[in-house]
């Protein structure tokens, strides 16, 4: 009899969260103050002495251009349903991710740029105008959320880096520290996590550098202190805990392509008509309500991004 051992990346179509919906952070704060909120949201409060120096920047003003028709996923649920393989292949990895040290945190800029440089995350934040955007988040595993991210356009980061005209792609890389992140001790994963976008995608108005969520600094389990979010693409494109940004001529090979190129491609645009080799992408489970809904092309953001891919019919745009 053949016994098949499931590898860490071989996930089921969806992993449902219990239906119980909890009060979100704002409601808790209104009901009883921060002390009650910290008690009610275990794993979310930062440990003593680990205060985020950027906390005073939040909440930021919400940009009404980026709001959607469905309810925001409650923070209690979102904070305990995450993919962050650096800490675990399980979804409930919030406690493990608290080992992530987010200060000091430096981001290096290199490759085809006017001048290579490094910047401290807090110095970078001082130079950016933060705003809140409510975006859909669609995972390749066929589940979805709605998240109020805070951050700034990726285009502003590109302008800060000053890439040369020969740069065709932006390549982003997360930290590499197996002592701090035990998942990085798994030898079959091609650490560190790498992702990339074309320069046209990077300069699209939807591409967003995330530094906060739910009106406060970004939670560690969500990729603090800075991550990417590209809402028209599957979630694995949104690299977390970024430490290196490079501008390159050749298309980067991302983490999941290195691991399983037959299942995960560079573009990874959401498309209900193109299935993953092991499951359909025609519908998705909304985490929190467990409602099964149809998936929309480009995750419902076609008006913003469809023009990026005109004339590219021969490209495998959706996986």
C-alpha atoms as a PDB file:
ATOM      1  CA  UNK A   1       0.000   0.000   0.000  1.00  0.00           C
ATOM      2  CA  UNK A   2       1.313   3.417  -0.965  1.00  0.00           C
ATOM      3  CA  UNK A   3       1.699   5.760   1.987  1.00  0.00           C
ATOM      4  CA  UNK A   4       1.880   9.376   0.889  1.00  0.00           C
ATOM      5  CA  UNK A   5       3.516  11.869   3.235  1.00  0.00           C
ATOM      6  CA  UNK A   6       2.092  15.354   2.891  1.00  0.00           C
ATOM      7  CA  UNK A   7       4.679  18.088   2.546  1.00  0.00           C
ATOM      8  CA  UNK A   8       4.403  21.408   4.328  1.00  0.00           C
ATOM      9  CA  UNK A   9       3.250  23.342   1.262  1.00  0.00           C
ATOM     10  CA  UNK A  10       0.532  20.855   0.349  1.00  0.00           C
ATOM     11  CA  UNK A  11      -2.421  22.585   1.988  1.00  0.00           C
ATOM     12  CA  UNK A  12      -6.131  21.678   1.678  1.00  0.00           C
ATOM     13  CA  UNK A  13      -8.564  23.736  -0.341  1.00  0.00           C
ATOM     14  CA  UNK A  14      -9.526  25.757   2.696  1.00  0.00           C
ATOM     15  CA  UNK A  15      -9.190  25.602   6.436  1.00  0.00           C
ATOM     16  CA  UNK A  16     -12.314  26.917   8.088  1.00  0.00           C
ATOM     17  CA  UNK A  17     -12.238  29.138  11.144  1.00  0.00           C
ATOM     18  CA  UNK A  18     -15.000  28.605  13.773  1.00  0.00           C
ATOM     19  CA  UNK A  19     -18.011  30.800  13.100  1.00  0.00           C
ATOM     20  CA  UNK A  20     -17.956  32.642  16.407  1.00  0.00           C
ATOM     21  CA  UNK A  21     -17.392  36.322  15.689  1.00  0.00           C
ATOM     22  CA  UNK A  22     -15.848  38.510  18.353  1.00  0.00           C
ATOM     23  CA  UNK A  23     -15.976  42.258  18.933  1.00  0.00           C
ATOM     24  CA  UNK A  24     -13.376  44.100  16.938  1.00  0.00           C
ATOM     25  CA  UNK A  25     -10.716  46.289  18.487  1.00  0.00           C
ATOM     26  CA  UNK A  26     -12.584  49.567  18.208  1.00  0.00           C
ATOM     27  CA  UNK A  27     -15.666  48.139  19.909  1.00  0.00           C
ATOM     28  CA  UNK A  28     -13.559  46.686  22.705  1.00  0.00           C
ATOM     29  CA  UNK A  29     -11.776  49.968  23.252  1.00  0.00           C
ATOM     30  CA  UNK A  30     -15.089  51.791  23.399  1.00  0.00           C
ATOM     31  CA  UNK A  31     -16.468  49.288  25.866  1.00  0.00           C
ATOM     32  CA  UNK A  32     -13.655  49.235  28.372  1.00  0.00           C
ATOM     33  CA  UNK A  33     -10.339  50.753  27.368  1.00  0.00           C
ATOM     34  CA  UNK A  34      -7.003  49.295  26.352  1.00  0.00           C
ATOM     35  CA  UNK A  35      -6.580  47.093  29.401  1.00  0.00           C
ATOM     36  CA  UNK A  36      -9.758  45.224  28.536  1.00  0.00           C
ATOM     37  CA  UNK A  37      -8.715  45.006  24.904  1.00  0.00           C
ATOM     38  CA  UNK A  38      -5.373  43.454  25.798  1.00  0.00           C
ATOM     39  CA  UNK A  39      -7.071  40.905  28.028  1.00  0.00           C
ATOM     40  CA  UNK A  40      -9.682  40.066  25.416  1.00  0.00           C
ATOM     41  CA  UNK A  41      -7.213  39.665  22.557  1.00  0.00           C
ATOM     42  CA  UNK A  42      -4.538  37.255  23.777  1.00  0.00           C
ATOM     43  CA  UNK A  43      -1.392  37.229  21.691  1.00  0.00           C
ATOM     44  CA  UNK A  44      -2.049  40.677  20.233  1.00  0.00           C
ATOM     45  CA  UNK A  45      -0.700  42.919  22.978  1.00  0.00           C
ATOM     46  CA  UNK A  46       3.025  43.544  22.715  1.00  0.00           C
ATOM     47  CA  UNK A  47       5.223  42.266  25.500  1.00  0.00           C
ATOM     48  CA  UNK A  48       6.457  44.769  28.065  1.00  0.00           C
ATOM     49  CA  UNK A  49       9.528  46.563  26.753  1.00  0.00           C
ATOM     50  CA  UNK A  50       8.595  45.710  23.166  1.00  0.00           C
ATOM     51  CA  UNK A  51       6.535  48.809  22.436  1.00  0.00           C
ATOM     52  CA  UNK A  52       6.455  49.852  18.783  1.00  0.00           C
ATOM     53  CA  UNK A  53       7.960  53.358  18.455  1.00  0.00           C
ATOM     54  CA  UNK A  54       5.683  54.040  15.468  1.00  0.00           C
ATOM     55  CA  UNK A  55       2.488  53.565  17.488  1.00  0.00           C
ATOM     56  CA  UNK A  56       1.773  57.297  17.503  1.00  0.00           C
ATOM     57  CA  UNK A  57       1.312  57.250  13.717  1.00  0.00           C
ATOM     58  CA  UNK A  58      -1.874  55.209  13.978  1.00  0.00           C
ATOM     59  CA  UNK A  59      -4.734  55.216  13.249  1.00  0.00           C
ATOM     60  CA  UNK A  60      -4.309  56.939   9.895  1.00  0.00           C
ATOM     61  CA  UNK A  61      -7.035  58.530   7.820  1.00  0.00           C
ATOM     62  CA  UNK A  62      -9.002  56.042   5.707  1.00  0.00           C
ATOM     63  CA  UNK A  63      -8.837  56.616   1.965  1.00  0.00           C
ATOM     64  CA  UNK A  64     -12.430  56.359   0.677  1.00  0.00           C
ATOM     65  CA  UNK A  65     -11.247  55.339  -2.801  1.00  0.00           C
ATOM     66  CA  UNK A  66     -10.317  51.902  -1.471  1.00  0.00           C
ATOM     67  CA  UNK A  67     -13.388  50.655   0.351  1.00  0.00           C
ATOM     68  CA  UNK A  68     -15.453  47.627  -0.570  1.00  0.00           C
ATOM     69  CA  UNK A  69     -18.919  46.254  -0.133  1.00  0.00           C
ATOM     70  CA  UNK A  70     -18.321  43.509   2.402  1.00  0.00           C
ATOM     71  CA  UNK A  71     -17.618  43.578   6.119  1.00  0.00           C
ATOM     72  CA  UNK A  72     -14.117  43.824   7.523  1.00  0.00           C
ATOM     73  CA  UNK A  73     -12.888  40.537   8.977  1.00  0.00           C
ATOM     74  CA  UNK A  74     -12.840  40.883  12.794  1.00  0.00           C
ATOM     75  CA  UNK A  75      -9.362  41.430  14.145  1.00  0.00           C
ATOM     76  CA  UNK A  76      -9.702  38.549  16.603  1.00  0.00           C
ATOM     77  CA  UNK A  77     -10.096  36.153  13.680  1.00  0.00           C
ATOM     78  CA  UNK A  78      -7.558  37.711  11.348  1.00  0.00           C
ATOM     79  CA  UNK A  79      -4.910  37.788  14.053  1.00  0.00           C
ATOM     80  CA  UNK A  80      -5.136  34.012  14.472  1.00  0.00           C
ATOM     81  CA  UNK A  81      -5.485  32.888  10.854  1.00  0.00           C
ATOM     82  CA  UNK A  82      -2.195  33.616   9.142  1.00  0.00           C
ATOM     83  CA  UNK A  83       0.361  32.142   6.783  1.00  0.00           C
ATOM     84  CA  UNK A  84       3.907  32.803   7.973  1.00  0.00           C
ATOM     85  CA  UNK A  85       5.951  29.684   7.271  1.00  0.00           C
ATOM     86  CA  UNK A  86       8.969  31.199   8.974  1.00  0.00           C
ATOM     87  CA  UNK A  87       7.165  30.324  12.215  1.00  0.00           C
ATOM     88  CA  UNK A  88       4.741  27.513  11.391  1.00  0.00           C
ATOM     89  CA  UNK A  89       2.778  25.830   8.644  1.00  0.00           C
ATOM     90  CA  UNK A  90      -0.263  26.021  10.937  1.00  0.00           C
ATOM     91  CA  UNK A  91      -2.617  28.995  10.725  1.00  0.00           C
ATOM     92  CA  UNK A  92      -2.707  29.726  14.468  1.00  0.00           C
ATOM     93  CA  UNK A  93       0.912  30.849  14.724  1.00  0.00           C
ATOM     94  CA  UNK A  94       0.393  34.184  16.498  1.00  0.00           C
ATOM     95  CA  UNK A  95       2.112  33.145  19.711  1.00  0.00           C
ATOM     96  CA  UNK A  96       5.127  31.679  17.891  1.00  0.00           C
ATOM     97  CA  UNK A  97       5.501  34.814  15.772  1.00  0.00           C
ATOM     98  CA  UNK A  98       5.983  36.980  18.848  1.00  0.00           C
ATOM     99  CA  UNK A  99       9.625  35.884  18.717  1.00  0.00           C
ATOM    100  CA  UNK A 100      10.051  38.175  15.710  1.00  0.00           C
ATOM    101  CA  UNK A 101      12.231  41.140  16.752  1.00  0.00           C
ATOM    102  CA  UNK A 102      11.075  44.208  14.856  1.00  0.00           C
ATOM    103  CA  UNK A 103      13.507  46.784  16.260  1.00  0.00           C
ATOM    104  CA  UNK A 104      16.082  47.634  15.139  1.00  0.00           C
ATOM    105  CA  UNK A 105      14.908  47.009  11.564  1.00  0.00           C
ATOM    106  CA  UNK A 106      16.816  48.125   8.488  1.00  0.00           C
ATOM    107  CA  UNK A 107      15.795  47.918   4.830  1.00  0.00           C
ATOM    108  CA  UNK A 108      18.492  47.756   2.174  1.00  0.00           C
ATOM    109  CA  UNK A 109      17.968  49.214  -1.317  1.00  0.00           C
ATOM    110  CA  UNK A 110      20.201  48.001  -4.108  1.00  0.00           C
ATOM    111  CA  UNK A 111      20.562  46.716  -7.630  1.00  0.00           C
ATOM    112  CA  UNK A 112      19.839  49.140 -10.450  1.00  0.00           C
ATOM    113  CA  UNK A 113      19.463  52.279  -8.356  1.00  0.00           C
ATOM    114  CA  UNK A 114      21.143  55.669  -8.414  1.00  0.00           C
ATOM    115  CA  UNK A 115      22.781  54.900  -5.084  1.00  0.00           C
ATOM    116  CA  UNK A 116      22.591  51.884  -2.822  1.00  0.00           C
ATOM    117  CA  UNK A 117      21.446  52.734   0.692  1.00  0.00           C
ATOM    118  CA  UNK A 118      19.948  51.419   3.904  1.00  0.00           C
ATOM    119  CA  UNK A 119      17.225  53.018   5.969  1.00  0.00           C
ATOM    120  CA  UNK A 120      15.856  52.417   9.443  1.00  0.00           C
ATOM    121  CA  UNK A 121      12.164  51.562   9.378  1.00  0.00           C
ATOM    122  CA  UNK A 122      11.223  54.474  11.643  1.00  0.00           C
ATOM    123  CA  UNK A 123      13.144  56.949   9.508  1.00  0.00           C
ATOM    124  CA  UNK A 124      11.367  55.576   6.441  1.00  0.00           C
ATOM    125  CA  UNK A 125       7.970  55.952   8.092  1.00  0.00           C
ATOM    126  CA  UNK A 126       8.696  59.588   8.951  1.00  0.00           C
ATOM    127  CA  UNK A 127       9.135  60.313   5.263  1.00  0.00           C
ATOM    128  CA  UNK A 128       5.926  58.595   4.100  1.00  0.00           C
ATOM    129  CA  UNK A 129       2.322  59.733   4.329  1.00  0.00           C
ATOM    130  CA  UNK A 130       0.317  56.898   5.867  1.00  0.00           C
ATOM    131  CA  UNK A 131      -3.289  56.107   5.023  1.00  0.00           C
ATOM    132  CA  UNK A 132      -5.725  53.277   5.661  1.00  0.00           C
ATOM    133  CA  UNK A 133      -7.142  51.217   2.814  1.00  0.00           C
ATOM    134  CA  UNK A 134      -9.719  48.463   3.074  1.00  0.00           C
ATOM    135  CA  UNK A 135      -8.715  45.686   0.678  1.00  0.00           C
ATOM    136  CA  UNK A 136      -9.890  42.194  -0.135  1.00  0.00           C
ATOM    137  CA  UNK A 137      -7.284  39.524   0.547  1.00  0.00           C
ATOM    138  CA  UNK A 138      -7.565  36.323  -1.502  1.00  0.00           C
ATOM    139  CA  UNK A 139      -5.327  33.371  -0.643  1.00  0.00           C
ATOM    140  CA  UNK A 140      -4.323  30.786  -3.234  1.00  0.00           C
ATOM    141  CA  UNK A 141      -5.734  28.228  -0.767  1.00  0.00           C
ATOM    142  CA  UNK A 142      -9.239  29.477  -1.761  1.00  0.00           C
ATOM    143  CA  UNK A 143     -10.122  31.499   1.327  1.00  0.00           C
ATOM    144  CA  UNK A 144     -10.496  35.246   1.666  1.00  0.00           C
ATOM    145  CA  UNK A 145     -10.645  38.089   4.174  1.00  0.00           C
ATOM    146  CA  UNK A 146     -11.266  41.837   4.172  1.00  0.00           C
ATOM    147  CA  UNK A 147      -8.570  43.830   5.932  1.00  0.00           C
ATOM    148  CA  UNK A 148      -8.096  47.506   6.903  1.00  0.00           C
ATOM    149  CA  UNK A 149      -4.410  47.939   6.109  1.00  0.00           C
ATOM    150  CA  UNK A 150      -2.415  51.082   6.916  1.00  0.00           C
ATOM    151  CA  UNK A 151       0.622  52.038   4.910  1.00  0.00           C
ATOM    152  CA  UNK A 152       1.701  53.909   1.789  1.00  0.00           C
ATOM    153  CA  UNK A 153       1.806  53.236  -1.962  1.00  0.00           C
ATOM    154  CA  UNK A 154       4.593  51.007  -3.214  1.00  0.00           C
ATOM    155  CA  UNK A 155       5.104  53.677  -5.882  1.00  0.00           C
ATOM    156  CA  UNK A 156       6.315  56.008  -3.120  1.00  0.00           C
ATOM    157  CA  UNK A 157       8.908  53.433  -2.064  1.00  0.00           C
ATOM    158  CA  UNK A 158      10.034  53.107  -5.687  1.00  0.00           C
ATOM    159  CA  UNK A 159      10.435  56.883  -5.896  1.00  0.00           C
ATOM    160  CA  UNK A 160      12.419  56.856  -2.660  1.00  0.00           C
ATOM    161  CA  UNK A 161      14.790  54.188  -4.021  1.00  0.00           C
ATOM    162  CA  UNK A 162      15.373  56.028  -7.341  1.00  0.00           C
ATOM    163  CA  UNK A 163      15.758  53.042  -9.687  1.00  0.00           C
ATOM    164  CA  UNK A 164      17.593  53.381 -12.987  1.00  0.00           C
ATOM    165  CA  UNK A 165      15.810  53.151 -16.317  1.00  0.00           C
ATOM    166  CA  UNK A 166      17.154  49.623 -16.872  1.00  0.00           C
ATOM    167  CA  UNK A 167      15.206  48.216 -13.929  1.00  0.00           C
ATOM    168  CA  UNK A 168      12.349  46.043 -15.149  1.00  0.00           C
ATOM    169  CA  UNK A 169      11.393  44.322 -11.888  1.00  0.00           C
ATOM    170  CA  UNK A 170      11.411  44.949  -8.176  1.00  0.00           C
ATOM    171  CA  UNK A 171      12.629  42.085  -5.996  1.00  0.00           C
ATOM    172  CA  UNK A 172      11.775  41.920  -2.273  1.00  0.00           C
ATOM    173  CA  UNK A 173      13.304  39.658   0.331  1.00  0.00           C
ATOM    174  CA  UNK A 174      12.413  38.863   3.920  1.00  0.00           C
ATOM    175  CA  UNK A 175      14.777  38.369   6.840  1.00  0.00           C
ATOM    176  CA  UNK A 176      16.901  35.248   7.305  1.00  0.00           C
ATOM    177  CA  UNK A 177      17.425  34.305  10.950  1.00  0.00           C
ATOM    178  CA  UNK A 178      16.781  30.630  11.775  1.00  0.00           C
ATOM    179  CA  UNK A 179      17.469  31.250  15.456  1.00  0.00           C
ATOM    180  CA  UNK A 180      14.621  33.762  15.597  1.00  0.00           C
ATOM    181  CA  UNK A 181      12.352  31.986  13.116  1.00  0.00           C
ATOM    182  CA  UNK A 182      12.473  28.195  13.599  1.00  0.00           C
ATOM    183  CA  UNK A 183      10.620  27.495  10.364  1.00  0.00           C
ATOM    184  CA  UNK A 184      13.710  28.657   8.511  1.00  0.00           C
ATOM    185  CA  UNK A 185      15.502  25.596   9.805  1.00  0.00           C
ATOM    186  CA  UNK A 186      13.425  23.441   7.439  1.00  0.00           C
ATOM    187  CA  UNK A 187      15.943  22.511   4.725  1.00  0.00           C
ATOM    188  CA  UNK A 188      13.445  21.803   1.947  1.00  0.00           C
ATOM    189  CA  UNK A 189      12.281  25.455   1.806  1.00  0.00           C
ATOM    190  CA  UNK A 190      14.347  27.919  -0.273  1.00  0.00           C
ATOM    191  CA  UNK A 191      14.844  30.562   2.416  1.00  0.00           C
ATOM    192  CA  UNK A 192      14.772  33.523   2.552  1.00  0.00           C
ATOM    193  CA  UNK A 193      11.313  34.292   1.173  1.00  0.00           C
ATOM    194  CA  UNK A 194      11.570  36.216  -2.107  1.00  0.00           C
ATOM    195  CA  UNK A 195       8.900  37.888  -4.215  1.00  0.00           C
ATOM    196  CA  UNK A 196       8.807  40.274  -7.135  1.00  0.00           C
ATOM    197  CA  UNK A 197       6.683  42.471  -9.367  1.00  0.00           C
ATOM    198  CA  UNK A 198       7.158  44.118 -12.706  1.00  0.00           C
ATOM    199  CA  UNK A 199       7.893  47.835 -12.484  1.00  0.00           C
ATOM    200  CA  UNK A 200       4.477  48.554 -13.993  1.00  0.00           C
ATOM    201  CA  UNK A 201       2.822  46.511 -11.248  1.00  0.00           C
ATOM    202  CA  UNK A 202       4.960  48.140  -8.563  1.00  0.00           C
ATOM    203  CA  UNK A 203       3.831  51.571  -9.723  1.00  0.00           C
ATOM    204  CA  UNK A 204       0.164  50.640  -9.952  1.00  0.00           C
ATOM    205  CA  UNK A 205      -1.903  52.593  -7.440  1.00  0.00           C
ATOM    206  CA  UNK A 206      -3.204  49.445  -5.707  1.00  0.00           C
ATOM    207  CA  UNK A 207       0.239  48.079  -4.736  1.00  0.00           C
ATOM    208  CA  UNK A 208       0.608  48.959  -1.057  1.00  0.00           C
ATOM    209  CA  UNK A 209       3.383  48.817   1.511  1.00  0.00           C
ATOM    210  CA  UNK A 210       1.708  47.812   4.766  1.00  0.00           C
ATOM    211  CA  UNK A 211       2.979  49.004   8.141  1.00  0.00           C
ATOM    212  CA  UNK A 212      -0.223  48.854  10.177  1.00  0.00           C
ATOM    213  CA  UNK A 213      -3.557  47.082  10.542  1.00  0.00           C
ATOM    214  CA  UNK A 214      -6.780  47.713  12.452  1.00  0.00           C
ATOM    215  CA  UNK A 215      -5.617  51.213  13.303  1.00  0.00           C
ATOM    216  CA  UNK A 216      -2.297  50.278  14.935  1.00  0.00           C
ATOM    217  CA  UNK A 217       1.171  49.010  13.987  1.00  0.00           C
ATOM    218  CA  UNK A 218       1.270  45.807  11.990  1.00  0.00           C
ATOM    219  CA  UNK A 219       1.043  42.633  14.052  1.00  0.00           C
ATOM    220  CA  UNK A 220       4.070  40.361  14.017  1.00  0.00           C
ATOM    221  CA  UNK A 221       2.130  37.366  12.701  1.00  0.00           C
ATOM    222  CA  UNK A 222       1.047  39.502   9.726  1.00  0.00           C
ATOM    223  CA  UNK A 223       4.587  40.399   8.701  1.00  0.00           C
ATOM    224  CA  UNK A 224       5.682  43.332  10.863  1.00  0.00           C
ATOM    225  CA  UNK A 225       7.146  45.845  10.605  1.00  0.00           C
ATOM    226  CA  UNK A 226       6.616  46.180   6.840  1.00  0.00           C
ATOM    227  CA  UNK A 227       5.104  43.953   4.182  1.00  0.00           C
ATOM    228  CA  UNK A 228       3.606  44.164   0.724  1.00  0.00           C
ATOM    229  CA  UNK A 229      -0.051  43.807  -0.229  1.00  0.00           C
ATOM    230  CA  UNK A 230      -1.205  43.399  -3.841  1.00  0.00           C
ATOM    231  CA  UNK A 231      -4.966  42.813  -3.602  1.00  0.00           C
ATOM    232  CA  UNK A 232      -5.471  41.652  -7.198  1.00  0.00           C
ATOM    233  CA  UNK A 233      -3.000  38.802  -6.721  1.00  0.00           C
ATOM    234  CA  UNK A 234      -2.987  35.669  -4.582  1.00  0.00           C
ATOM    235  CA  UNK A 235      -1.743  36.328  -1.090  1.00  0.00           C
ATOM    236  CA  UNK A 236       1.602  34.541  -1.423  1.00  0.00           C
ATOM    237  CA  UNK A 237       2.782  37.468  -3.560  1.00  0.00           C
ATOM    238  CA  UNK A 238       2.530  39.792  -0.547  1.00  0.00           C
ATOM    239  CA  UNK A 239       5.935  39.185   1.020  1.00  0.00           C
ATOM    240  CA  UNK A 240       6.234  39.837   4.769  1.00  0.00           C
ATOM    241  CA  UNK A 241       8.879  41.376   7.061  1.00  0.00           C
ATOM    242  CA  UNK A 242      10.907  42.900   4.241  1.00  0.00           C
ATOM    243  CA  UNK A 243      14.598  43.668   4.746  1.00  0.00           C
ATOM    244  CA  UNK A 244      15.863  43.999   1.182  1.00  0.00           C
ATOM    245  CA  UNK A 245      14.502  45.716  -1.934  1.00  0.00           C
ATOM    246  CA  UNK A 246      16.380  45.355  -5.215  1.00  0.00           C
ATOM    247  CA  UNK A 247      15.700  46.646  -8.716  1.00  0.00           C
ATOM    248  CA  UNK A 248      16.717  44.175 -11.383  1.00  0.00           C
ATOM    249  CA  UNK A 249      16.596  43.564 -15.114  1.00  0.00           C
ATOM    250  CA  UNK A 250      15.732  39.871 -14.995  1.00  0.00           C
ATOM    251  CA  UNK A 251      12.464  38.539 -13.609  1.00  0.00           C
ATOM    252  CA  UNK A 252      12.912  37.249 -10.035  1.00  0.00           C
ATOM    253  CA  UNK A 253      12.120  33.621  -9.266  1.00  0.00           C
ATOM    254  CA  UNK A 254       9.928  33.736  -6.197  1.00  0.00           C
ATOM    255  CA  UNK A 255       9.897  31.449  -3.166  1.00  0.00           C
ATOM    256  CA  UNK A 256       7.005  29.259  -4.289  1.00  0.00           C
ATOM    257  CA  UNK A 257       8.274  29.021  -7.856  1.00  0.00           C
ATOM    258  CA  UNK A 258      11.557  27.690  -6.524  1.00  0.00           C
ATOM    259  CA  UNK A 259       9.674  25.142  -4.468  1.00  0.00           C
ATOM    260  CA  UNK A 260       6.944  24.051  -6.899  1.00  0.00           C
ATOM    261  CA  UNK A 261       7.083  25.834 -10.241  1.00  0.00           C
ATOM    262  CA  UNK A 262       4.333  23.671 -11.761  1.00  0.00           C
ATOM    263  CA  UNK A 263       1.847  25.066  -9.240  1.00  0.00           C
ATOM    264  CA  UNK A 264       3.020  28.607  -8.465  1.00  0.00           C
ATOM    265  CA  UNK A 265       4.055  31.198 -11.013  1.00  0.00           C
ATOM    266  CA  UNK A 266       5.375  34.725 -11.073  1.00  0.00           C
ATOM    267  CA  UNK A 267       2.208  36.650 -11.929  1.00  0.00           C
ATOM    268  CA  UNK A 268      -0.339  34.886  -9.686  1.00  0.00           C
ATOM    269  CA  UNK A 269      -3.264  37.109 -10.621  1.00  0.00           C
ATOM    270  CA  UNK A 270      -6.569  35.935  -9.157  1.00  0.00           C
ATOM    271  CA  UNK A 271      -8.626  34.172 -11.829  1.00  0.00           C
ATOM    272  CA  UNK A 272     -11.648  31.960 -11.079  1.00  0.00           C
ATOM    273  CA  UNK A 273     -11.342  30.288 -14.483  1.00  0.00           C
ATOM    274  CA  UNK A 274      -7.830  28.927 -13.962  1.00  0.00           C
ATOM    275  CA  UNK A 275      -7.701  26.224 -11.272  1.00  0.00           C
ATOM    276  CA  UNK A 276      -4.762  25.419  -9.095  1.00  0.00           C
ATOM    277  CA  UNK A 277      -3.520  21.955 -10.125  1.00  0.00           C
ATOM    278  CA  UNK A 278      -5.020  20.513  -6.934  1.00  0.00           C
ATOM    279  CA  UNK A 279      -8.213  22.546  -6.405  1.00  0.00           C
ATOM    280  CA  UNK A 280     -10.635  24.939  -8.042  1.00  0.00           C
ATOM    281  CA  UNK A 281     -10.299  28.710  -7.800  1.00  0.00           C
ATOM    282  CA  UNK A 282     -13.883  29.350  -8.885  1.00  0.00           C
ATOM    283  CA  UNK A 283     -15.044  30.138  -5.348  1.00  0.00           C
ATOM    284  CA  UNK A 284     -13.633  31.019  -1.940  1.00  0.00           C
ATOM    285  CA  UNK A 285     -14.531  30.661   1.742  1.00  0.00           C
ATOM    286  CA  UNK A 286     -14.899  33.963   3.568  1.00  0.00           C
ATOM    287  CA  UNK A 287     -13.062  33.526   6.848  1.00  0.00           C
ATOM    288  CA  UNK A 288     -15.276  34.477   9.768  1.00  0.00           C
ATOM    289  CA  UNK A 289     -18.667  33.830   8.185  1.00  0.00           C
ATOM    290  CA  UNK A 290     -17.606  30.615   6.364  1.00  0.00           C
ATOM    291  CA  UNK A 291     -19.758  31.764   3.453  1.00  0.00           C
ATOM    292  CA  UNK A 292     -18.761  30.288   0.100  1.00  0.00           C
ATOM    293  CA  UNK A 293     -18.810  32.967  -2.603  1.00  0.00           C
ATOM    294  CA  UNK A 294     -17.775  33.169  -6.269  1.00  0.00           C
ATOM    295  CA  UNK A 295     -14.264  34.419  -6.929  1.00  0.00           C
ATOM    296  CA  UNK A 296     -13.935  37.444  -9.199  1.00  0.00           C
ATOM    297  CA  UNK A 297     -11.321  38.061 -11.841  1.00  0.00           C
ATOM    298  CA  UNK A 298      -8.401  40.061 -10.396  1.00  0.00           C
ATOM    299  CA  UNK A 299     -10.172  39.665  -7.047  1.00  0.00           C
ATOM    300  CA  UNK A 300     -12.644  42.354  -8.146  1.00  0.00           C
ATOM    301  CA  UNK A 301      -9.961  44.947  -8.991  1.00  0.00           C
ATOM    302  CA  UNK A 302     -10.014  44.647 -12.773  1.00  0.00           C
ATOM    303  CA  UNK A 303     -10.777  48.327 -13.289  1.00  0.00           C
ATOM    304  CA  UNK A 304      -7.438  49.187 -11.689  1.00  0.00           C
ATOM    305  CA  UNK A 305      -5.144  46.518 -13.119  1.00  0.00           C
ATOM    306  CA  UNK A 306      -6.503  44.818 -16.237  1.00  0.00           C
ATOM    307  CA  UNK A 307      -4.636  47.280 -18.444  1.00  0.00           C
ATOM    308  CA  UNK A 308      -1.316  46.071 -17.049  1.00  0.00           C
ATOM    309  CA  UNK A 309      -1.654  42.791 -18.934  1.00  0.00           C
ATOM    310  CA  UNK A 310      -2.932  43.833 -22.360  1.00  0.00           C
ATOM    311  CA  UNK A 311      -0.940  42.180 -25.126  1.00  0.00           C
ATOM    312  CA  UNK A 312       0.411  39.542 -22.767  1.00  0.00           C
ATOM    313  CA  UNK A 313      -1.958  36.737 -23.730  1.00  0.00           C
ATOM    314  CA  UNK A 314       0.924  34.292 -24.113  1.00  0.00           C
ATOM    315  CA  UNK A 315       2.078  34.840 -20.521  1.00  0.00           C
ATOM    316  CA  UNK A 316       0.842  32.472 -17.764  1.00  0.00           C
ATOM    317  CA  UNK A 317      -0.705  35.392 -15.919  1.00  0.00           C
ATOM    318  CA  UNK A 318      -2.754  33.491 -13.404  1.00  0.00           C
ATOM    319  CA  UNK A 319      -0.408  30.893 -11.905  1.00  0.00           C
END
